[in-house]
Amino acid sequence: KYTLCFTFNDVGDLVSGDSSGNIFIWKRGSNKISQAITGAHEGPVFSILRNKHDHFLSGGGKDRRIIDWDPSFGRTGDETEMPAQFGAVRTLTQGPGDMILVGTTKNAILQGF
């Protein structure tokens, strides 16, 4: 497995996504995993975004899903699957206000969530 993306939480812990669909939280100042969310996505986790509400959004490559996680990495139940014609999620970024921009593997840029 390979690390494909990362961000930080509010206390400075590193949050990473890997090529096997896992999300790991690494304690600040350490090289040890403090929390593992195995099988967060079917296939690679290409993007993790910490939004303005301290929730995390993860974007999966194979499953084309965007999943909303609370600050403790519990699923909130909010998720969406990208339509096949746009391809899989490649990157997520925060836009103005609550807007989320999604870059896909088929060169589309979408907004929403």
PDB file of N, CA and C in Angstrom:
ATOM      1  N   LYS A   1       0.823  -1.189   0.000  1.00  0.00           N
ATOM      2  CA  LYS A   1       0.000   0.000   0.000  1.00  0.00           C
ATOM      3  C   LYS A   1       0.866   1.251   0.000  1.00  0.00           C
ATOM      4  N   TYR A   2       0.296   2.301  -0.562  1.00  0.00           N
ATOM      5  CA  TYR A   2       1.013   3.564  -0.699  1.00  0.00           C
ATOM      6  C   TYR A   2       0.152   4.700  -0.175  1.00  0.00           C
ATOM      7  N   THR A   3       0.774   5.675   0.444  1.00  0.00           N
ATOM      8  CA  THR A   3       0.059   6.865   0.886  1.00  0.00           C
ATOM      9  C   THR A   3      -0.207   7.739  -0.327  1.00  0.00           C
ATOM     10  N   LEU A   4      -1.472   8.109  -0.515  1.00  0.00           N
ATOM     11  CA  LEU A   4      -1.854   8.905  -1.680  1.00  0.00           C
ATOM     12  C   LEU A   4      -2.259  10.330  -1.330  1.00  0.00           C
ATOM     13  N   CYS A   5      -2.674  10.567  -0.076  1.00  0.00           N
ATOM     14  CA  CYS A   5      -3.125  11.903   0.298  1.00  0.00           C
ATOM     15  C   CYS A   5      -3.004  12.065   1.810  1.00  0.00           C
ATOM     16  N   PHE A   6      -3.007  13.319   2.228  1.00  0.00           N
ATOM     17  CA  PHE A   6      -2.984  13.576   3.674  1.00  0.00           C
ATOM     18  C   PHE A   6      -3.478  14.986   3.969  1.00  0.00           C
ATOM     19  N   THR A   7      -3.895  15.166   5.210  1.00  0.00           N
ATOM     20  CA  THR A   7      -4.278  16.461   5.759  1.00  0.00           C
ATOM     21  C   THR A   7      -4.010  16.395   7.259  1.00  0.00           C
ATOM     22  N   PHE A   8      -4.369  17.437   7.973  1.00  0.00           N
ATOM     23  CA  PHE A   8      -4.170  17.472   9.424  1.00  0.00           C
ATOM     24  C   PHE A   8      -5.491  17.728  10.121  1.00  0.00           C
ATOM     25  N   ASN A   9      -5.637  17.188  11.332  1.00  0.00           N
ATOM     26  CA  ASN A   9      -6.832  17.491  12.125  1.00  0.00           C
ATOM     27  C   ASN A   9      -6.582  18.727  12.977  1.00  0.00           C
ATOM     28  N   ASP A  10      -7.526  19.081  13.828  1.00  0.00           N
ATOM     29  CA  ASP A  10      -7.442  20.322  14.604  1.00  0.00           C
ATOM     30  C   ASP A  10      -6.346  20.330  15.664  1.00  0.00           C
ATOM     31  N   VAL A  11      -5.829  19.158  16.053  1.00  0.00           N
ATOM     32  CA  VAL A  11      -4.745  19.103  17.045  1.00  0.00           C
ATOM     33  C   VAL A  11      -3.396  18.783  16.409  1.00  0.00           C
ATOM     34  N   GLY A  12      -3.340  18.776  15.085  1.00  0.00           N
ATOM     35  CA  GLY A  12      -2.076  18.573  14.394  1.00  0.00           C
ATOM     36  C   GLY A  12      -1.720  17.140  14.076  1.00  0.00           C
ATOM     37  N   ASP A  13      -2.634  16.194  14.330  1.00  0.00           N
ATOM     38  CA  ASP A  13      -2.380  14.809  13.934  1.00  0.00           C
ATOM     39  C   ASP A  13      -2.478  14.716  12.406  1.00  0.00           C
ATOM     40  N   LEU A  14      -1.685  13.852  11.829  1.00  0.00           N
ATOM     41  CA  LEU A  14      -1.706  13.628  10.391  1.00  0.00           C
ATOM     42  C   LEU A  14      -2.780  12.596  10.059  1.00  0.00           C
ATOM     43  N   VAL A  15      -3.577  12.883   9.043  1.00  0.00           N
ATOM     44  CA  VAL A  15      -4.608  11.971   8.559  1.00  0.00           C
ATOM     45  C   VAL A  15      -4.219  11.594   7.132  1.00  0.00           C
ATOM     46  N   SER A  16      -4.026  10.297   6.874  1.00  0.00           N
ATOM     47  CA  SER A  16      -3.581   9.866   5.550  1.00  0.00           C
ATOM     48  C   SER A  16      -4.545   8.853   4.940  1.00  0.00           C
ATOM     49  N   GLY A  17      -4.595   8.849   3.612  1.00  0.00           N
ATOM     50  CA  GLY A  17      -5.370   7.868   2.865  1.00  0.00           C
ATOM     51  C   GLY A  17      -4.430   7.049   2.015  1.00  0.00           C
ATOM     52  N   ASP A  18      -4.702   5.752   1.857  1.00  0.00           N
ATOM     53  CA  ASP A  18      -3.768   4.909   1.110  1.00  0.00           C
ATOM     54  C   ASP A  18      -4.409   4.216  -0.083  1.00  0.00           C
ATOM     55  N   SER A  19      -3.584   3.522  -0.819  1.00  0.00           N
ATOM     56  CA  SER A  19      -4.001   2.864  -2.056  1.00  0.00           C
ATOM     57  C   SER A  19      -4.867   1.638  -1.814  1.00  0.00           C
ATOM     58  N   SER A  20      -4.978   1.189  -0.575  1.00  0.00           N
ATOM     59  CA  SER A  20      -5.815   0.033  -0.250  1.00  0.00           C
ATOM     60  C   SER A  20      -7.173   0.423   0.320  1.00  0.00           C
ATOM     61  N   GLY A  21      -7.485   1.724   0.343  1.00  0.00           N
ATOM     62  CA  GLY A  21      -8.780   2.181   0.827  1.00  0.00           C
ATOM     63  C   GLY A  21      -8.848   2.466   2.305  1.00  0.00           C
ATOM     64  N   ASN A  22      -7.709   2.562   2.959  1.00  0.00           N
ATOM     65  CA  ASN A  22      -7.658   2.797   4.409  1.00  0.00           C
ATOM     66  C   ASN A  22      -7.360   4.255   4.729  1.00  0.00           C
ATOM     67  N   ILE A  23      -7.835   4.692   5.885  1.00  0.00           N
ATOM     68  CA  ILE A  23      -7.501   6.007   6.426  1.00  0.00           C
ATOM     69  C   ILE A  23      -6.824   5.785   7.765  1.00  0.00           C
ATOM     70  N   PHE A  24      -5.680   6.458   7.957  1.00  0.00           N
ATOM     71  CA  PHE A  24      -4.925   6.327   9.204  1.00  0.00           C
ATOM     72  C   PHE A  24      -4.731   7.695   9.839  1.00  0.00           C
ATOM     73  N   ILE A  25      -4.821   7.745  11.159  1.00  0.00           N
ATOM     74  CA  ILE A  25      -4.513   8.949  11.920  1.00  0.00           C
ATOM     75  C   ILE A  25      -3.222   8.680  12.669  1.00  0.00           C
ATOM     76  N   TRP A  26      -2.255   9.569  12.467  1.00  0.00           N
ATOM     77  CA  TRP A  26      -0.921   9.443  13.061  1.00  0.00           C
ATOM     78  C   TRP A  26      -0.783  10.523  14.125  1.00  0.00           C
ATOM     79  N   LYS A  27      -0.509  10.122  15.360  1.00  0.00           N
ATOM     80  CA  LYS A  27      -0.383  11.059  16.480  1.00  0.00           C
ATOM     81  C   LYS A  27       0.712  12.084  16.195  1.00  0.00           C
ATOM     82  N   ARG A  28       0.413  13.333  16.468  1.00  0.00           N
ATOM     83  CA  ARG A  28       1.372  14.422  16.250  1.00  0.00           C
ATOM     84  C   ARG A  28       2.690  14.121  16.966  1.00  0.00           C
ATOM     85  N   GLY A  29       3.791  14.320  16.258  1.00  0.00           N
ATOM     86  CA  GLY A  29       5.110  14.107  16.830  1.00  0.00           C
ATOM     87  C   GLY A  29       5.504  12.650  16.959  1.00  0.00           C
ATOM     88  N   SER A  30       4.759  11.759  16.322  1.00  0.00           N
ATOM     89  CA  SER A  30       5.007  10.328  16.445  1.00  0.00           C
ATOM     90  C   SER A  30       4.988   9.675  15.067  1.00  0.00           C
ATOM     91  N   ASN A  31       5.508   8.476  15.012  1.00  0.00           N
ATOM     92  CA  ASN A  31       5.408   7.702  13.770  1.00  0.00           C
ATOM     93  C   ASN A  31       4.513   6.478  13.985  1.00  0.00           C
ATOM     94  N   LYS A  32       3.600   6.604  14.944  1.00  0.00           N
ATOM     95  CA  LYS A  32       2.697   5.509  15.266  1.00  0.00           C
ATOM     96  C   LYS A  32       1.255   5.867  14.888  1.00  0.00           C
ATOM     97  N   ILE A  33       0.545   4.879  14.387  1.00  0.00           N
ATOM     98  CA  ILE A  33      -0.852   5.061  14.024  1.00  0.00           C
ATOM     99  C   ILE A  33      -1.694   5.029  15.304  1.00  0.00           C
ATOM    100  N   SER A  34      -2.497   6.071  15.521  1.00  0.00           N
ATOM    101  CA  SER A  34      -3.345   6.117  16.713  1.00  0.00           C
ATOM    102  C   SER A  34      -4.772   5.646  16.413  1.00  0.00           C
ATOM    103  N   GLN A  35      -5.160   5.663  15.148  1.00  0.00           N
ATOM    104  CA  GLN A  35      -6.490   5.191  14.764  1.00  0.00           C
ATOM    105  C   GLN A  35      -6.424   4.717  13.318  1.00  0.00           C
ATOM    106  N   ALA A  36      -7.098   3.627  13.023  1.00  0.00           N
ATOM    107  CA  ALA A  36      -7.145   3.095  11.658  1.00  0.00           C
ATOM    108  C   ALA A  36      -8.595   2.862  11.259  1.00  0.00           C
ATOM    109  N   ILE A  37      -8.954   3.354  10.099  1.00  0.00           N
ATOM    110  CA  ILE A  37     -10.263   3.091   9.511  1.00  0.00           C
ATOM    111  C   ILE A  37      -9.982   2.237   8.279  1.00  0.00           C
ATOM    112  N   THR A  38     -10.017   0.930   8.468  1.00  0.00           N
ATOM    113  CA  THR A  38      -9.705   0.029   7.363  1.00  0.00           C
ATOM    114  C   THR A  38     -10.936  -0.138   6.484  1.00  0.00           C
ATOM    115  N   GLY A  39     -10.697  -0.231   5.198  1.00  0.00           N
ATOM    116  CA  GLY A  39     -11.801  -0.397   4.262  1.00  0.00           C
ATOM    117  C   GLY A  39     -12.725   0.802   4.187  1.00  0.00           C
ATOM    118  N   ALA A  40     -12.179   2.002   4.399  1.00  0.00           N
ATOM    119  CA  ALA A  40     -12.994   3.219   4.310  1.00  0.00           C
ATOM    120  C   ALA A  40     -13.589   3.367   2.909  1.00  0.00           C
ATOM    121  N   HIS A  41     -12.828   2.951   1.919  1.00  0.00           N
ATOM    122  CA  HIS A  41     -13.276   2.970   0.523  1.00  0.00           C
ATOM    123  C   HIS A  41     -12.902   1.656  -0.128  1.00  0.00           C
ATOM    124  N   GLU A  42     -13.665   1.319  -1.152  1.00  0.00           N
ATOM    125  CA  GLU A  42     -13.299   0.183  -1.996  1.00  0.00           C
ATOM    126  C   GLU A  42     -12.299   0.730  -3.013  1.00  0.00           C
ATOM    127  N   GLY A  43     -11.067   0.330  -2.913  1.00  0.00           N
ATOM    128  CA  GLY A  43     -10.012   0.898  -3.752  1.00  0.00           C
ATOM    129  C   GLY A  43      -9.370   2.088  -3.067  1.00  0.00           C
ATOM    130  N   PRO A  44      -8.529   2.813  -3.792  1.00  0.00           N
ATOM    131  CA  PRO A  44      -7.709   3.865  -3.182  1.00  0.00           C
ATOM    132  C   PRO A  44      -8.491   5.057  -2.655  1.00  0.00           C
ATOM    133  N   VAL A  45      -7.927   5.694  -1.627  1.00  0.00           N
ATOM    134  CA  VAL A  45      -8.417   6.973  -1.118  1.00  0.00           C
ATOM    135  C   VAL A  45      -7.536   8.039  -1.761  1.00  0.00           C
ATOM    136  N   PHE A  46      -8.080   8.736  -2.749  1.00  0.00           N
ATOM    137  CA  PHE A  46      -7.290   9.718  -3.491  1.00  0.00           C
ATOM    138  C   PHE A  46      -7.235  11.083  -2.819  1.00  0.00           C
ATOM    139  N   SER A  47      -8.222  11.405  -1.990  1.00  0.00           N
ATOM    140  CA  SER A  47      -8.254  12.745  -1.419  1.00  0.00           C
ATOM    141  C   SER A  47      -8.925  12.735  -0.050  1.00  0.00           C
ATOM    142  N   ILE A  48      -8.379  13.523   0.871  1.00  0.00           N
ATOM    143  CA  ILE A  48      -8.999  13.770   2.171  1.00  0.00           C
ATOM    144  C   ILE A  48      -8.993  15.277   2.397  1.00  0.00           C
ATOM    145  N   LEU A  49     -10.148  15.797   2.750  1.00  0.00           N
ATOM    146  CA  LEU A  49     -10.311  17.228   2.985  1.00  0.00           C
ATOM    147  C   LEU A  49     -10.886  17.444   4.380  1.00  0.00           C
ATOM    148  N   ARG A  50     -10.277  18.320   5.146  1.00  0.00           N
ATOM    149  CA  ARG A  50     -10.876  18.785   6.408  1.00  0.00           C
ATOM    150  C   ARG A  50     -11.623  20.063   6.072  1.00  0.00           C
ATOM    151  N   ASN A  51     -12.936  20.044   6.236  1.00  0.00           N
ATOM    152  CA  ASN A  51     -13.717  21.207   5.825  1.00  0.00           C
ATOM    153  C   ASN A  51     -13.823  22.246   6.939  1.00  0.00           C
ATOM    154  N   LYS A  52     -14.549  23.305   6.656  1.00  0.00           N
ATOM    155  CA  LYS A  52     -14.664  24.423   7.603  1.00  0.00           C
ATOM    156  C   LYS A  52     -15.425  24.059   8.874  1.00  0.00           C
ATOM    157  N   HIS A  53     -16.103  22.919   8.871  1.00  0.00           N
ATOM    158  CA  HIS A  53     -16.871  22.479  10.034  1.00  0.00           C
ATOM    159  C   HIS A  53     -16.133  21.384  10.806  1.00  0.00           C
ATOM    160  N   ASP A  54     -14.838  21.222  10.523  1.00  0.00           N
ATOM    161  CA  ASP A  54     -13.982  20.211  11.150  1.00  0.00           C
ATOM    162  C   ASP A  54     -14.421  18.787  10.869  1.00  0.00           C
ATOM    163  N   HIS A  55     -15.221  18.608   9.844  1.00  0.00           N
ATOM    164  CA  HIS A  55     -15.509  17.262   9.354  1.00  0.00           C
ATOM    165  C   HIS A  55     -14.488  16.941   8.277  1.00  0.00           C
ATOM    166  N   PHE A  56     -14.376  15.672   7.962  1.00  0.00           N
ATOM    167  CA  PHE A  56     -13.464  15.231   6.916  1.00  0.00           C
ATOM    168  C   PHE A  56     -14.285  14.625   5.786  1.00  0.00           C
ATOM    169  N   LEU A  57     -13.873  14.919   4.562  1.00  0.00           N
ATOM    170  CA  LEU A  57     -14.454  14.285   3.386  1.00  0.00           C
ATOM    171  C   LEU A  57     -13.361  13.448   2.752  1.00  0.00           C
ATOM    172  N   SER A  58     -13.675  12.211   2.429  1.00  0.00           N
ATOM    173  CA  SER A  58     -12.712  11.360   1.735  1.00  0.00           C
ATOM    174  C   SER A  58     -13.288  10.975   0.386  1.00  0.00           C
ATOM    175  N   GLY A  59     -12.423  10.945  -0.605  1.00  0.00           N
ATOM    176  CA  GLY A  59     -12.836  10.593  -1.959  1.00  0.00           C
ATOM    177  C   GLY A  59     -12.179   9.310  -2.406  1.00  0.00           C
ATOM    178  N   GLY A  60     -13.010   8.366  -2.837  1.00  0.00           N
ATOM    179  CA  GLY A  60     -12.509   7.060  -3.266  1.00  0.00           C
ATOM    180  C   GLY A  60     -12.380   6.962  -4.768  1.00  0.00           C
ATOM    181  N   GLY A  61     -11.353   6.240  -5.200  1.00  0.00           N
ATOM    182  CA  GLY A  61     -11.104   6.066  -6.618  1.00  0.00           C
ATOM    183  C   GLY A  61     -11.993   5.027  -7.258  1.00  0.00           C
ATOM    184  N   LYS A  62     -11.980   3.835  -6.739  1.00  0.00           N
ATOM    185  CA  LYS A  62     -12.733   2.748  -7.367  1.00  0.00           C
ATOM    186  C   LYS A  62     -14.231   2.860  -7.110  1.00  0.00           C
ATOM    187  N   ASP A  63     -14.625   3.222  -5.896  1.00  0.00           N
ATOM    188  CA  ASP A  63     -16.059   3.272  -5.565  1.00  0.00           C
ATOM    189  C   ASP A  63     -16.721   4.598  -5.947  1.00  0.00           C
ATOM    190  N   ARG A  64     -15.932   5.594  -6.366  1.00  0.00           N
ATOM    191  CA  ARG A  64     -16.431   6.904  -6.807  1.00  0.00           C
ATOM    192  C   ARG A  64     -17.240   7.615  -5.727  1.00  0.00           C
ATOM    193  N   ARG A  65     -16.996   7.301  -4.461  1.00  0.00           N
ATOM    194  CA  ARG A  65     -17.774   7.865  -3.354  1.00  0.00           C
ATOM    195  C   ARG A  65     -17.030   9.001  -2.656  1.00  0.00           C
ATOM    196  N   ILE A  66     -17.820   9.943  -2.157  1.00  0.00           N
ATOM    197  CA  ILE A  66     -17.340  10.962  -1.230  1.00  0.00           C
ATOM    198  C   ILE A  66     -18.073  10.683   0.081  1.00  0.00           C
ATOM    199  N   ILE A  67     -17.299  10.463   1.144  1.00  0.00           N
ATOM    200  CA  ILE A  67     -17.867  10.111   2.445  1.00  0.00           C
ATOM    201  C   ILE A  67     -17.552  11.220   3.447  1.00  0.00           C
ATOM    202  N   ASP A  68     -18.566  11.601   4.214  1.00  0.00           N
ATOM    203  CA  ASP A  68     -18.422  12.608   5.266  1.00  0.00           C
ATOM    204  C   ASP A  68     -18.147  11.895   6.587  1.00  0.00           C
ATOM    205  N   TRP A  69     -17.074  12.322   7.274  1.00  0.00           N
ATOM    206  CA  TRP A  69     -16.666  11.758   8.565  1.00  0.00           C
ATOM    207  C   TRP A  69     -16.699  12.861   9.605  1.00  0.00           C
ATOM    208  N   ASP A  70     -17.144  12.526  10.818  1.00  0.00           N
ATOM    209  CA  ASP A  70     -17.111  13.514  11.898  1.00  0.00           C
ATOM    210  C   ASP A  70     -15.657  13.665  12.389  1.00  0.00           C
ATOM    211  N   PRO A  71     -15.399  14.608  13.294  1.00  0.00           N
ATOM    212  CA  PRO A  71     -14.012  14.841  13.737  1.00  0.00           C
ATOM    213  C   PRO A  71     -13.334  13.621  14.372  1.00  0.00           C
ATOM    214  N   SER A  72     -14.119  12.650  14.871  1.00  0.00           N
ATOM    215  CA  SER A  72     -13.549  11.423  15.451  1.00  0.00           C
ATOM    216  C   SER A  72     -13.512  10.272  14.444  1.00  0.00           C
ATOM    217  N   PHE A  73     -13.809  10.579  13.201  1.00  0.00           N
ATOM    218  CA  PHE A  73     -13.847   9.610  12.105  1.00  0.00           C
ATOM    219  C   PHE A  73     -14.924   8.548  12.249  1.00  0.00           C
ATOM    220  N   GLY A  74     -16.080   8.994  12.748  1.00  0.00           N
ATOM    221  CA  GLY A  74     -17.288   8.187  12.643  1.00  0.00           C
ATOM    222  C   GLY A  74     -18.029   8.638  11.403  1.00  0.00           C
ATOM    223  N   ARG A  75     -18.636   7.708  10.715  1.00  0.00           N
ATOM    224  CA  ARG A  75     -19.410   8.084   9.521  1.00  0.00           C
ATOM    225  C   ARG A  75     -20.639   8.880   9.951  1.00  0.00           C
ATOM    226  N   THR A  76     -20.898   9.973   9.265  1.00  0.00           N
ATOM    227  CA  THR A  76     -22.073  10.787   9.568  1.00  0.00           C
ATOM    228  C   THR A  76     -23.309  10.254   8.852  1.00  0.00           C
ATOM    229  N   GLY A  77     -23.118   9.415   7.871  1.00  0.00           N
ATOM    230  CA  GLY A  77     -24.229   8.920   7.057  1.00  0.00           C
ATOM    231  C   GLY A  77     -24.404   9.705   5.774  1.00  0.00           C
ATOM    232  N   ASP A  78     -23.705  10.842   5.659  1.00  0.00           N
ATOM    233  CA  ASP A  78     -23.752  11.623   4.428  1.00  0.00           C
ATOM    234  C   ASP A  78     -22.665  11.129   3.482  1.00  0.00           C
ATOM    235  N   GLU A  79     -23.079  10.662   2.332  1.00  0.00           N
ATOM    236  CA  GLU A  79     -22.125  10.280   1.301  1.00  0.00           C
ATOM    237  C   GLU A  79     -22.812  10.345  -0.044  1.00  0.00           C
ATOM    238  N   THR A  80     -22.015  10.427  -1.062  1.00  0.00           N
ATOM    239  CA  THR A  80     -22.545  10.488  -2.414  1.00  0.00           C
ATOM    240  C   THR A  80     -21.642   9.685  -3.342  1.00  0.00           C
ATOM    241  N   GLU A  81     -22.224   9.177  -4.394  1.00  0.00           N
ATOM    242  CA  GLU A  81     -21.459   8.449  -5.403  1.00  0.00           C
ATOM    243  C   GLU A  81     -21.452   9.275  -6.676  1.00  0.00           C
ATOM    244  N   MET A  82     -20.268   9.494  -7.213  1.00  0.00           N
ATOM    245  CA  MET A  82     -20.139  10.266  -8.438  1.00  0.00           C
ATOM    246  C   MET A  82     -20.725   9.474  -9.599  1.00  0.00           C
ATOM    247  N   PRO A  83     -21.474  10.125 -10.494  1.00  0.00           N
ATOM    248  CA  PRO A  83     -21.964   9.432 -11.690  1.00  0.00           C
ATOM    249  C   PRO A  83     -20.789   8.923 -12.536  1.00  0.00           C
ATOM    250  N   ALA A  84     -20.946   7.753 -13.113  1.00  0.00           N
ATOM    251  CA  ALA A  84     -19.864   7.109 -13.863  1.00  0.00           C
ATOM    252  C   ALA A  84     -19.311   7.990 -14.983  1.00  0.00           C
ATOM    253  N   GLN A  85     -20.153   8.811 -15.614  1.00  0.00           N
ATOM    254  CA  GLN A  85     -19.667   9.615 -16.742  1.00  0.00           C
ATOM    255  C   GLN A  85     -18.628  10.651 -16.329  1.00  0.00           C
ATOM    256  N   PHE A  86     -18.565  10.993 -15.025  1.00  0.00           N
ATOM    257  CA  PHE A  86     -17.576  11.952 -14.547  1.00  0.00           C
ATOM    258  C   PHE A  86     -16.305  11.281 -14.042  1.00  0.00           C
ATOM    259  N   GLY A  87     -16.339   9.979 -13.839  1.00  0.00           N
ATOM    260  CA  GLY A  87     -15.174   9.267 -13.332  1.00  0.00           C
ATOM    261  C   GLY A  87     -15.111   9.294 -11.816  1.00  0.00           C
ATOM    262  N   ALA A  88     -14.016   8.809 -11.304  1.00  0.00           N
ATOM    263  CA  ALA A  88     -13.808   8.719  -9.856  1.00  0.00           C
ATOM    264  C   ALA A  88     -13.306  10.037  -9.288  1.00  0.00           C
ATOM    265  N   VAL A  89     -13.420  10.171  -7.981  1.00  0.00           N
ATOM    266  CA  VAL A  89     -12.924  11.356  -7.277  1.00  0.00           C
ATOM    267  C   VAL A  89     -11.401  11.328  -7.298  1.00  0.00           C
ATOM    268  N   ARG A  90     -10.789  12.411  -7.754  1.00  0.00           N
ATOM    269  CA  ARG A  90      -9.335  12.523  -7.733  1.00  0.00           C
ATOM    270  C   ARG A  90      -8.884  13.521  -6.669  1.00  0.00           C
ATOM    271  N   THR A  91      -9.638  14.611  -6.502  1.00  0.00           N
ATOM    272  CA  THR A  91      -9.258  15.605  -5.503  1.00  0.00           C
ATOM    273  C   THR A  91     -10.487  16.348  -4.987  1.00  0.00           C
ATOM    274  N   LEU A  92     -10.400  16.800  -3.744  1.00  0.00           N
ATOM    275  CA  LEU A  92     -11.453  17.581  -3.092  1.00  0.00           C
ATOM    276  C   LEU A  92     -10.832  18.851  -2.539  1.00  0.00           C
ATOM    277  N   THR A  93     -11.538  19.966  -2.675  1.00  0.00           N
ATOM    278  CA  THR A  93     -11.061  21.206  -2.069  1.00  0.00           C
ATOM    279  C   THR A  93     -12.247  22.039  -1.612  1.00  0.00           C
ATOM    280  N   GLN A  94     -12.009  22.870  -0.605  1.00  0.00           N
ATOM    281  CA  GLN A  94     -13.045  23.754  -0.061  1.00  0.00           C
ATOM    282  C   GLN A  94     -13.126  24.990  -0.925  1.00  0.00           C
ATOM    283  N   GLY A  95     -14.342  25.346  -1.356  1.00  0.00           N
ATOM    284  CA  GLY A  95     -14.577  26.579  -2.088  1.00  0.00           C
ATOM    285  C   GLY A  95     -15.107  27.633  -1.144  1.00  0.00           C
ATOM    286  N   PRO A  96     -15.657  28.707  -1.679  1.00  0.00           N
ATOM    287  CA  PRO A  96     -16.233  29.745  -0.826  1.00  0.00           C
ATOM    288  C   PRO A  96     -17.440  29.221  -0.052  1.00  0.00           C
ATOM    289  N   GLY A  97     -17.616  29.690   1.154  1.00  0.00           N
ATOM    290  CA  GLY A  97     -18.741  29.245   1.976  1.00  0.00           C
ATOM    291  C   GLY A  97     -18.645  27.753   2.249  1.00  0.00           C
ATOM    292  N   ASP A  98     -19.732  27.046   1.997  1.00  0.00           N
ATOM    293  CA  ASP A  98     -19.756  25.595   2.204  1.00  0.00           C
ATOM    294  C   ASP A  98     -19.529  24.812   0.918  1.00  0.00           C
ATOM    295  N   MET A  99     -19.168  25.499  -0.157  1.00  0.00           N
ATOM    296  CA  MET A  99     -18.967  24.834  -1.437  1.00  0.00           C
ATOM    297  C   MET A  99     -17.767  23.883  -1.396  1.00  0.00           C
ATOM    298  N   ILE A 100     -17.955  22.698  -1.955  1.00  0.00           N
ATOM    299  CA  ILE A 100     -16.875  21.734  -2.128  1.00  0.00           C
ATOM    300  C   ILE A 100     -16.674  21.547  -3.625  1.00  0.00           C
ATOM    301  N   LEU A 101     -15.432  21.615  -4.073  1.00  0.00           N
ATOM    302  CA  LEU A 101     -15.099  21.367  -5.470  1.00  0.00           C
ATOM    303  C   LEU A 101     -14.488  19.982  -5.577  1.00  0.00           C
ATOM    304  N   VAL A 102     -14.901  19.248  -6.603  1.00  0.00           N
ATOM    305  CA  VAL A 102     -14.462  17.871  -6.816  1.00  0.00           C
ATOM    306  C   VAL A 102     -13.816  17.772  -8.186  1.00  0.00           C
ATOM    307  N   GLY A 103     -12.554  17.374  -8.220  1.00  0.00           N
ATOM    308  CA  GLY A 103     -11.880  17.078  -9.482  1.00  0.00           C
ATOM    309  C   GLY A 103     -11.948  15.579  -9.710  1.00  0.00           C
ATOM    310  N   THR A 104     -12.237  15.162 -10.941  1.00  0.00           N
ATOM    311  CA  THR A 104     -12.435  13.743 -11.217  1.00  0.00           C
ATOM    312  C   THR A 104     -11.393  13.201 -12.188  1.00  0.00           C
ATOM    313  N   THR A 105     -11.387  11.886 -12.313  1.00  0.00           N
ATOM    314  CA  THR A 105     -10.425  11.215 -13.192  1.00  0.00           C
ATOM    315  C   THR A 105     -10.756  11.383 -14.668  1.00  0.00           C
ATOM    316  N   LYS A 106     -11.923  11.928 -14.975  1.00  0.00           N
ATOM    317  CA  LYS A 106     -12.286  12.205 -16.363  1.00  0.00           C
ATOM    318  C   LYS A 106     -12.272  13.705 -16.656  1.00  0.00           C
ATOM    319  N   ASN A 107     -11.423  14.428 -15.923  1.00  0.00           N
ATOM    320  CA  ASN A 107     -11.173  15.861 -16.129  1.00  0.00           C
ATOM    321  C   ASN A 107     -12.400  16.737 -15.945  1.00  0.00           C
ATOM    322  N   ALA A 108     -13.294  16.354 -15.076  1.00  0.00           N
ATOM    323  CA  ALA A 108     -14.439  17.190 -14.740  1.00  0.00           C
ATOM    324  C   ALA A 108     -14.166  17.880 -13.407  1.00  0.00           C
ATOM    325  N   ILE A 109     -14.689  19.083 -13.269  1.00  0.00           N
ATOM    326  CA  ILE A 109     -14.671  19.792 -11.985  1.00  0.00           C
ATOM    327  C   ILE A 109     -16.118  20.068 -11.625  1.00  0.00           C
ATOM    328  N   LEU A 110     -16.540  19.516 -10.505  1.00  0.00           N
ATOM    329  CA  LEU A 110     -17.917  19.609 -10.062  1.00  0.00           C
ATOM    330  C   LEU A 110     -17.980  20.344  -8.737  1.00  0.00           C
ATOM    331  N   GLN A 111     -19.119  20.924  -8.433  1.00  0.00           N
ATOM    332  CA  GLN A 111     -19.282  21.594  -7.144  1.00  0.00           C
ATOM    333  C   GLN A 111     -20.481  21.031  -6.422  1.00  0.00           C
ATOM    334  N   GLY A 112     -20.412  21.107  -5.098  1.00  0.00           N
ATOM    335  CA  GLY A 112     -21.525  20.660  -4.291  1.00  0.00           C
ATOM    336  C   GLY A 112     -21.096  19.778  -3.164  1.00  0.00           C
ATOM    337  N   PHE A 113     -21.935  18.866  -2.789  1.00  0.00           N
ATOM    338  CA  PHE A 113     -21.880  17.793  -1.802  1.00  0.00           C
ATOM    339  C   PHE A 113     -22.945  17.931  -0.838  1.00  0.00           C
TER     340      PHE A 113
END
